[in-house]
Protein backbone atom coordinates (compact mmCIF):
# COMPACT_ATOMS: atom_id res chain seq x y z
CA MET A 1 -0.23 0.27 -0.01
CA ALA A 2 1.85 3.40 -0.79
CA ALA A 3 2.07 5.96 1.84
CA PRO A 4 -0.19 8.74 1.83
CA ALA A 5 1.15 11.60 -0.33
CA ARG A 6 2.90 14.24 1.79
CA ARG A 7 1.49 17.41 1.39
CA PRO A 8 4.08 20.11 0.40
CA ASP A 9 5.03 23.00 2.95
CA PRO A 10 2.89 25.88 2.60
CA ALA A 11 4.75 28.68 0.86
CA PRO A 12 6.49 31.25 3.39
CA SER A 13 5.08 34.70 3.46
CA PRO A 14 7.66 37.22 2.17
CA GLY A 15 9.44 38.40 4.97
CA ALA A 16 13.09 39.06 6.11
CA GLY A 17 13.72 35.11 5.34
CA HIS A 18 12.17 35.31 1.82
CA PRO A 19 14.00 35.64 -1.23
CA ALA A 20 11.63 38.03 -2.65
CA ALA A 21 12.17 40.19 0.33
CA LEU A 22 15.84 40.65 -1.00
CA ARG A 23 14.74 42.57 -3.82
CA ARG A 24 15.13 46.45 -4.00
CA ASP A 25 12.14 48.35 -2.41
CA PRO A 26 11.04 50.83 -4.92
CA ARG A 27 9.28 52.73 -2.58
CA THR A 28 12.89 53.89 -0.85
CA HIS A 29 14.19 54.65 -4.28
CA TRP A 30 11.44 56.90 -5.03
CA VAL A 31 11.77 58.71 -1.88
CA VAL A 32 15.44 59.22 -2.23
CA THR A 33 14.94 60.78 -5.84
CA LEU A 34 12.21 62.83 -4.95
CA VAL A 35 14.18 64.29 -2.03
CA VAL A 36 16.97 64.99 -3.84
CA ILE A 37 14.93 66.57 -6.81
CA ALA A 38 13.27 68.81 -3.76
CA CYS A 39 16.69 69.76 -2.10
CA SER A 40 18.13 70.84 -5.61
CA PHE A 41 15.07 73.17 -6.33
CA ALA A 42 15.10 74.70 -2.94
CA THR A 43 19.00 75.32 -2.74
CA VAL A 44 20.38 75.77 -6.13
CA ARG A 45 20.55 79.59 -7.41
CA PRO A 46 20.07 81.55 -9.11
CA LEU A 47 16.54 80.19 -10.13
CA GLY A 48 14.59 82.10 -12.51
CA VAL A 49 12.76 82.89 -15.85
CA THR A 50 15.28 84.85 -17.61
CA GLY A 51 18.88 84.66 -18.14
CA GLN A 52 21.26 82.69 -16.19
CA GLY A 53 18.26 81.63 -13.87
CA LEU A 54 16.71 80.18 -16.82
CA ALA A 55 19.31 77.97 -18.02
CA VAL A 56 19.54 76.69 -14.48
CA ALA A 57 15.99 76.07 -14.24
CA VAL A 58 16.09 73.89 -17.48
CA LEU A 59 19.31 72.27 -16.54
CA LEU A 60 17.51 71.05 -13.33
CA VAL A 61 14.59 70.10 -15.35
CA LEU A 62 16.58 68.09 -17.46
CA CYS A 63 18.86 66.29 -14.51
CA SER A 64 15.45 65.61 -12.48
CA ALA A 65 14.22 64.00 -15.70
CA ALA A 66 17.30 61.94 -16.18
CA LEU A 67 17.08 60.95 -12.40
CA LEU A 68 13.46 59.83 -12.85
CA SER A 69 14.28 57.43 -15.73
CA ARG A 70 16.16 55.48 -13.47
CA HIS A 71 12.67 54.33 -12.33
CA LEU A 72 11.69 52.79 -15.60
CA SER A 73 11.89 49.12 -16.05
CA ASP A 74 14.02 48.16 -19.63
CA ASP A 75 10.32 47.20 -21.04
CA ARG A 76 9.48 51.02 -20.84
CA LEU A 77 12.89 52.36 -21.50
CA PRO A 78 14.91 50.09 -23.57
CA PRO A 79 18.76 50.07 -22.87
CA ARG A 80 20.27 52.06 -25.85
CA ARG A 81 17.37 54.86 -24.78
CA ALA A 82 18.36 54.74 -21.28
CA LEU A 83 21.92 55.07 -22.16
CA LEU A 84 21.19 57.95 -23.86
CA VAL A 85 18.93 59.60 -21.36
CA LEU A 86 21.18 59.05 -18.51
CA ALA A 87 24.36 60.31 -20.43
CA SER A 88 22.48 63.59 -21.30
CA GLY A 89 21.57 63.90 -17.51
CA LEU A 90 25.15 63.60 -16.73
CA VAL A 91 26.50 66.37 -19.32
CA ALA A 92 23.24 68.23 -17.69
CA SER A 93 24.51 67.63 -14.10
CA VAL A 94 28.29 68.73 -14.81
CA ALA A 95 26.67 72.05 -16.76
CA LEU A 96 24.41 72.44 -13.42
CA ILE A 97 27.63 72.38 -11.33
CA GLY A 98 29.11 75.28 -13.29
CA ALA A 99 25.98 77.25 -13.98
CA GLY A 100 24.70 77.24 -10.35
CA ARG A 101 26.45 79.75 -7.67
CA SER A 102 25.53 77.56 -4.98
CA GLY A 103 23.22 74.79 -3.59
CA SER A 104 23.39 70.84 -4.17
CA SER A 105 23.68 70.44 -7.65
CA TYR A 106 26.38 67.87 -7.52
CA LEU A 107 23.87 65.31 -6.03
CA PHE A 108 22.68 64.78 -9.73
CA ALA A 109 26.09 63.45 -11.01
CA TYR A 110 26.47 61.19 -7.97
CA PHE A 111 23.18 59.24 -8.15
CA LEU A 112 23.30 59.38 -12.16
CA VAL A 113 26.65 57.71 -11.74
CA GLY A 114 25.57 55.37 -9.21
CA HIS A 115 22.64 54.27 -11.45
CA ILE A 116 24.31 53.73 -14.55
CA GLY A 117 27.03 51.56 -12.65
CA TYR A 118 23.81 49.32 -11.82
CA ARG A 119 22.22 49.54 -14.94
CA PHE A 120 24.59 48.96 -17.42
CA PRO A 121 28.17 46.69 -17.75
CA LEU A 122 31.29 47.57 -16.66
CA ARG A 123 32.22 48.40 -20.29
CA LEU A 124 29.81 51.24 -20.40
CA SER A 125 29.32 52.32 -16.91
CA LEU A 126 33.45 52.88 -16.12
CA PRO A 127 34.36 54.86 -19.20
CA LEU A 128 31.15 57.25 -18.21
CA ALA A 129 31.84 57.29 -14.62
CA ALA A 130 35.45 58.37 -15.51
CA ALA A 131 34.22 61.12 -18.22
CA THR A 132 31.77 62.43 -15.30
CA GLY A 133 34.42 62.58 -12.81
CA LEU A 134 36.81 64.32 -14.71
CA LEU A 135 34.51 66.93 -16.30
CA CYS A 136 33.15 67.74 -12.89
CA ALA A 137 36.67 68.09 -11.48
CA ALA A 138 37.49 70.51 -14.87
CA VAL A 139 34.60 72.95 -14.11
CA LEU A 140 35.71 73.34 -10.50
CA HIS A 141 39.13 73.37 -10.93
CA PHE A 142 38.94 76.01 -13.96
CA HIS A 143 35.83 77.73 -12.72
CA LEU A 144 34.11 77.19 -15.37
CA GLY A 145 30.85 79.44 -14.97
CA PRO A 146 29.98 80.91 -11.29
CA GLY A 147 30.22 77.27 -10.03
CA HIS A 148 30.01 76.70 -6.66
CA THR A 149 33.39 78.80 -5.14
CA LEU A 150 33.38 76.41 -1.74
CA LEU A 151 33.41 73.15 -3.57
CA PRO A 152 37.20 71.72 -4.36
CA TRP A 153 37.88 70.02 -7.83
CA GLY A 154 39.06 66.87 -5.88
CA LEU A 155 35.16 66.60 -4.87
CA GLY A 156 34.15 67.05 -8.77
CA LEU A 157 36.68 64.25 -9.29
CA ALA A 158 35.17 61.95 -6.57
CA SER A 159 31.61 62.16 -8.49
CA GLY A 160 32.59 59.05 -10.34
CA LEU A 161 33.03 56.98 -7.53
CA PRO A 162 29.18 55.99 -6.79
CA VAL A 163 29.88 53.74 -10.02
CA VAL A 164 31.58 51.46 -7.55
CA ALA A 165 28.34 51.13 -5.41
CA GLY A 166 26.43 50.57 -8.42
CA ILE A 167 28.39 47.65 -9.92
CA LEU A 168 28.23 45.97 -6.73
CA GLY A 169 24.62 46.52 -6.10
CA ARG A 170 24.10 45.00 -9.71
CA SER A 171 26.01 41.93 -8.54
CA ARG A 172 24.25 41.99 -5.62
CA GLN A 173 20.85 41.99 -7.29
CA ARG A 174 21.70 39.36 -9.76
CA ALA A 175 22.76 36.73 -6.95
CA VAL A 176 19.37 37.84 -5.58
CA ASP A 177 17.72 37.13 -8.78
CA ALA A 178 19.32 33.81 -8.99
CA VAL A 179 18.41 32.87 -5.51
CA ILE A 180 14.64 34.00 -6.37
CA ALA A 181 14.70 31.61 -9.54
CA ALA A 182 16.18 28.71 -7.87
CA ALA A 183 13.20 29.06 -5.35
CA GLU A 184 10.74 29.60 -7.99
CA SER A 185 12.35 26.65 -9.70
CA SER A 186 12.07 24.58 -6.39
CA GLU A 187 8.58 25.50 -5.77
CA ARG A 188 7.57 24.77 -9.38
CA ALA A 189 9.22 21.19 -8.69
CA ALA A 190 7.54 20.72 -5.58
CA ARG A 191 4.09 21.59 -7.09
CA ALA A 192 4.67 19.04 -9.48
CA GLU A 193 5.78 16.42 -7.21
CA ALA A 194 2.60 17.04 -5.39
CA GLU A 195 0.40 16.98 -8.22
CA ALA A 196 1.96 13.56 -9.13
CA ALA A 197 1.85 12.27 -5.53
CA ALA A 198 -1.91 13.17 -5.90
CA LEU A 199 -2.48 11.30 -9.26
CA THR A 200 -0.68 8.26 -7.51
CA GLU A 201 -3.08 8.21 -4.44
CA ARG A 202 -5.90 8.84 -6.55
CA GLY A 203 -4.76 5.18 -8.29
CA ARG A 204 -4.45 3.68 -4.69
CA ILE A 205 -7.88 4.91 -4.13
CA ALA A 206 -9.18 3.21 -7.25
CA ARG A 207 -7.53 -0.12 -6.49
CA ASP A 208 -8.66 0.02 -3.15
CA VAL A 209 -12.52 0.63 -4.07
CA HIS A 210 -12.12 -2.32 -6.88
CA ASP A 211 -10.65 -4.26 -4.42
CA VAL A 212 -13.21 -3.62 -1.52
CA LEU A 213 -16.24 -3.16 -3.37
CA ALA A 214 -16.12 -4.90 -6.83
CA HIS A 215 -15.38 -8.37 -5.75
CA SER A 216 -18.13 -8.27 -2.84
CA LEU A 217 -20.60 -6.57 -4.57
CA ALA A 218 -20.48 -8.55 -7.36
CA GLY A 219 -21.04 -11.75 -5.19
CA ILE A 220 -23.62 -10.54 -3.09
CA ASN A 221 -25.49 -9.16 -6.18
CA MET A 222 -25.21 -13.02 -7.71
CA GLN A 223 -26.56 -14.62 -4.40
CA LEU A 224 -29.28 -12.34 -4.44
CA GLU A 225 -30.31 -12.86 -7.62
CA LEU A 226 -30.42 -16.33 -7.20
CA ALA A 227 -32.51 -16.30 -4.06
CA ASP A 228 -34.76 -13.88 -6.27
CA ALA A 229 -35.02 -16.57 -9.26
CA LEU A 230 -35.71 -19.41 -6.41
CA LEU A 231 -38.54 -17.63 -4.73
CA ASP A 232 -40.66 -19.16 -7.99
CA THR A 233 -39.52 -22.73 -7.19
CA GLY A 234 -40.30 -22.69 -3.57
CA ASP A 235 -36.95 -24.20 -2.65
CA LEU A 236 -36.37 -22.69 0.55
CA ASP A 237 -33.04 -24.55 1.62
CA ARG A 238 -31.30 -23.16 -1.23
CA ILE A 239 -32.94 -19.71 -0.80
CA ARG A 240 -31.52 -19.81 2.63
CA GLU A 241 -28.20 -21.26 1.51
CA ALA A 242 -28.05 -18.14 -1.04
CA ASN A 243 -28.69 -15.70 1.90
CA ARG A 244 -26.18 -17.20 4.30
CA THR A 245 -23.93 -16.80 1.38
CA ALA A 246 -24.81 -13.14 0.88
CA HIS A 247 -24.38 -12.62 4.49
CA ALA A 248 -21.11 -14.28 4.61
CA LEU A 249 -19.83 -11.66 1.78
CA VAL A 250 -21.08 -8.79 3.63
CA LYS A 251 -18.95 -9.73 6.49
CA GLU A 252 -16.16 -10.26 4.56
CA SER A 253 -16.42 -6.90 3.00
CA LEU A 254 -16.71 -5.34 6.49
CA ARG A 255 -13.36 -7.31 6.88
CA GLN A 256 -11.80 -5.68 3.66
CA ALA A 257 -13.14 -2.37 4.73
CA GLN A 258 -11.15 -2.55 7.82
CA TRP A 259 -8.01 -3.64 6.05
CA THR A 260 -8.41 -0.51 3.83
CA VAL A 261 -8.76 1.50 6.94
CA HIS A 262 -5.47 0.03 8.15
CA ALA A 263 -3.71 0.62 5.18
CA LEU A 264 -4.90 4.28 4.96
CA ARG A 265 -3.76 4.75 8.27
CA GLU A 266 -0.31 2.82 7.53
CA ASP A 267 -1.25 0.34 10.44
CA SER A 268 0.95 -2.80 9.65
CA LEU A 269 -1.28 -6.22 9.37
CA PRO A 270 -0.03 -9.22 10.41
CA LEU A 271 0.78 -11.04 7.20
CA VAL A 272 0.66 -14.76 8.13
CA GLU A 273 -2.66 -14.53 10.26
CA THR A 274 -4.58 -12.29 7.80
CA LEU A 275 -3.68 -14.46 4.62
CA ALA A 276 -5.12 -17.55 6.42
CA ALA A 277 -7.68 -15.39 7.54
CA LEU A 278 -8.53 -14.45 4.17
CA LEU A 279 -8.29 -18.11 2.85
CA GLU A 280 -10.44 -19.55 5.59
CA SER A 281 -13.11 -17.00 4.81
CA SER A 282 -12.77 -18.03 1.37
CA GLY A 283 -13.56 -21.51 1.96
CA LEU A 284 -10.30 -22.62 1.05
CA GLY A 285 -9.35 -23.88 4.60
CA ASN A 286 -5.90 -24.67 5.30
CA THR A 287 -3.94 -24.23 2.04
CA LEU A 288 -1.33 -21.77 3.10
CA THR A 289 2.25 -22.98 3.16
CA VAL A 290 5.00 -20.61 4.47
CA SER A 291 8.35 -21.13 4.09
CA GLY A 292 11.86 -19.30 4.95
CA ALA A 293 12.09 -17.27 8.46
CA VAL A 294 9.30 -15.27 8.77
CA ARG A 295 9.74 -11.66 9.77
CA GLU A 296 7.69 -8.43 9.95
CA LEU A 297 7.27 -6.40 6.53
CA PRO A 298 6.77 -2.85 5.39
CA ALA A 299 2.91 -2.01 5.74
CA ARG A 300 2.94 -1.36 2.11
CA THR A 301 4.34 -4.68 1.23
CA THR A 302 2.00 -6.38 3.55
CA GLN A 303 -1.16 -4.67 2.36
CA ALA A 304 -0.09 -5.44 -1.48
CA LEU A 305 0.88 -8.86 -0.83
CA LEU A 306 -3.00 -9.32 0.64
CA ARG A 307 -4.61 -7.59 -2.12
CA ILE A 308 -2.98 -9.51 -4.82
CA ALA A 309 -3.95 -12.81 -2.87
CA GLN A 310 -7.21 -11.64 -2.62
CA GLU A 311 -7.51 -10.74 -5.91
CA ALA A 312 -6.15 -14.17 -6.89
CA VAL A 313 -8.23 -15.95 -4.65
CA THR A 314 -11.65 -14.28 -5.96
CA ASN A 315 -10.75 -14.91 -9.32
CA VAL A 316 -10.38 -18.54 -8.51
CA GLY A 317 -14.11 -18.67 -7.34
CA ARG A 318 -15.38 -16.58 -10.03
CA HIS A 319 -13.62 -18.26 -13.01
CA ALA A 320 -12.74 -22.00 -11.72
CA PRO A 321 -15.25 -22.79 -9.06
CA GLY A 322 -14.47 -26.01 -7.01
CA ALA A 323 -10.76 -25.90 -8.33
CA GLN A 324 -7.95 -26.89 -5.97
CA VAL A 325 -6.10 -23.87 -4.71
CA THR A 326 -2.27 -23.69 -3.19
CA VAL A 327 -0.73 -20.83 -1.50
CA GLU A 328 2.65 -20.18 -0.81
CA LEU A 329 4.29 -17.57 1.09
CA ALA A 330 8.32 -17.49 0.94
CA HIS A 331 10.68 -15.60 2.43
CA ALA A 332 13.89 -15.55 0.77
CA GLY A 333 16.89 -13.41 1.22
CA THR A 334 15.36 -9.58 0.88
CA THR A 335 12.41 -10.69 -1.03
CA THR A 336 9.25 -12.05 -0.31
CA ARG A 337 7.25 -13.98 -3.08
CA LEU A 338 3.74 -15.08 -2.81
CA SER A 339 2.51 -17.73 -4.95
CA VAL A 340 -1.44 -18.57 -5.76
CA ARG A 341 -2.19 -21.71 -7.91
CA ASN A 342 -5.28 -23.38 -9.10
CA GLY A 343 -6.17 -26.43 -10.89
CA PRO A 344 -9.12 -26.61 -13.48
CA GLY A 345 -12.54 -25.63 -11.93
CA THR A 346 -15.15 -28.49 -10.98
CA ARG A 347 -18.18 -26.67 -11.79
CA GLU A 348 -19.58 -24.18 -14.32
CA ALA A 349 -18.64 -20.56 -13.86
CA ALA A 350 -21.03 -17.84 -13.63
CA PRO A 351 -21.57 -16.07 -16.91
CA GLY A 352 -19.52 -13.03 -17.38
CA THR A 353 -16.24 -11.88 -17.02
CA GLY A 354 -14.22 -9.54 -14.76
CA SER A 355 -13.52 -5.72 -15.92
CA GLY A 356 -9.65 -6.64 -15.87
CA MET A 357 -9.01 -3.88 -13.17
CA GLY A 358 -8.07 -6.39 -10.77
CA LEU A 359 -5.02 -7.80 -12.66
CA ILE A 360 -4.26 -4.24 -13.75
CA GLY A 361 -4.03 -3.37 -9.84
CA MET A 362 -1.86 -6.30 -9.57
CA ARG A 363 0.90 -5.15 -11.51
CA GLU A 364 0.68 -1.29 -10.47
CA ARG A 365 0.73 -2.48 -6.51
CA VAL A 366 4.02 -4.36 -7.32
CA ALA A 367 5.35 -2.00 -9.80
CA LEU A 368 5.35 0.94 -7.29
CA LEU A 369 6.90 -1.47 -4.61
CA GLY A 370 9.60 -2.49 -7.50
CA GLY A 371 8.95 -5.92 -7.66
CA THR A 372 7.54 -8.36 -10.28
CA VAL A 373 4.59 -10.26 -10.96
CA THR A 374 3.95 -13.34 -13.27
CA VAL A 375 -0.05 -13.91 -14.01
CA GLY A 376 -0.96 -17.02 -16.50
CA PRO A 377 -2.35 -20.32 -17.45
CA LEU A 378 -0.61 -23.46 -16.27
CA THR A 379 0.55 -25.79 -19.15
CA GLU A 380 2.10 -28.69 -17.18
CA GLY A 381 2.08 -30.20 -13.67
CA PRO A 382 -0.52 -31.20 -11.85
CA ASP A 383 -2.56 -28.14 -11.97
CA THR A 384 -2.54 -28.11 -15.80
CA GLY A 385 -5.27 -26.21 -16.96
CA GLY A 386 -5.49 -23.99 -14.22
CA TRP A 387 -3.84 -20.64 -13.31
CA HIS A 388 -1.26 -19.24 -11.41
CA VAL A 389 -0.35 -15.80 -9.70
CA GLU A 390 3.33 -15.18 -8.52
CA ALA A 391 4.46 -11.86 -7.19
CA GLU A 392 7.74 -11.09 -5.57
CA ILE A 393 8.63 -8.00 -3.64
CA PRO A 394 11.78 -6.54 -2.01
CA ASP A 395 11.53 -5.64 1.41
CA GLU A 396 12.91 -2.51 1.50
């Protein structure tokens, strides 16, 4: 009997330990961008609608637009266009440092260089960062335009350093993306495994329904139909016999239902005792032979052997009534072999044939446990003309 499918662990909620929590928080970056823009408009002077003030205002707008563009994805702003926008923003930020007399105009250069290091590969980001640092240093060193007299040229040269932080952030984000991709792949694999386990469980339940209900209900129905047919003859003895047989089948059905409950709970049934009880209830008496050192088997193996024995014995009663049956249970090495052999029937079989699901269920059970099963007619020996079922299952 297959073990119940283990439910997949619930997906962890996004938190400190969840890979999705490692992504950059876009809200924080939006706040930083807006603060930089607000500080620049509040501090950079001159700012007006004519002359130098107008030039500073235009440069502020260009720098702000370039800084805002870093929040656009590659789908909305393709890499080539993004490179052009950011490079234009860098030129505008250098010009703003020279055009403004005061304020925090240099912040644009720092943040744009950092974002270039994050967004573009080294072959593009390093040259742009170096060019920005040299241009900012030149503007301050040679006093091109009013400039900010309090800023040394070394600070302008350092405007290219944030590219290092951008490159490190890019590397970290790639690593985070790889972790997230691996986690998502693992989740998809776990989901697929759970679905496969559910399908296996459905197949197992289908086999159990067939084993528990199909045989017993078919026998009960047959006996009830016989009793109904005998009512017109007035043969009370045969009617009582059919009724007793139907009651016996009902009891057997209840016993089979208990086996199924044991299997669902993974309880381990005593194999030899249960197999002997099965044969006794089937009217075969003491036909069980046990060889080898009897040992406790896994619950799945025990249940599979019992189901195979039940299917084989039921088929004998259905297709070869009155036949002699021999059941052998052999423990050899690390395998257990169950053999059910019967000779030809001595009475005429009831009309109708089985659905074939019983034999399919046998093969499925044994295959799930890594064993083999052989089913077929006997062509030699004392049971020639009969049938045999032999299943061999490893203990582990």
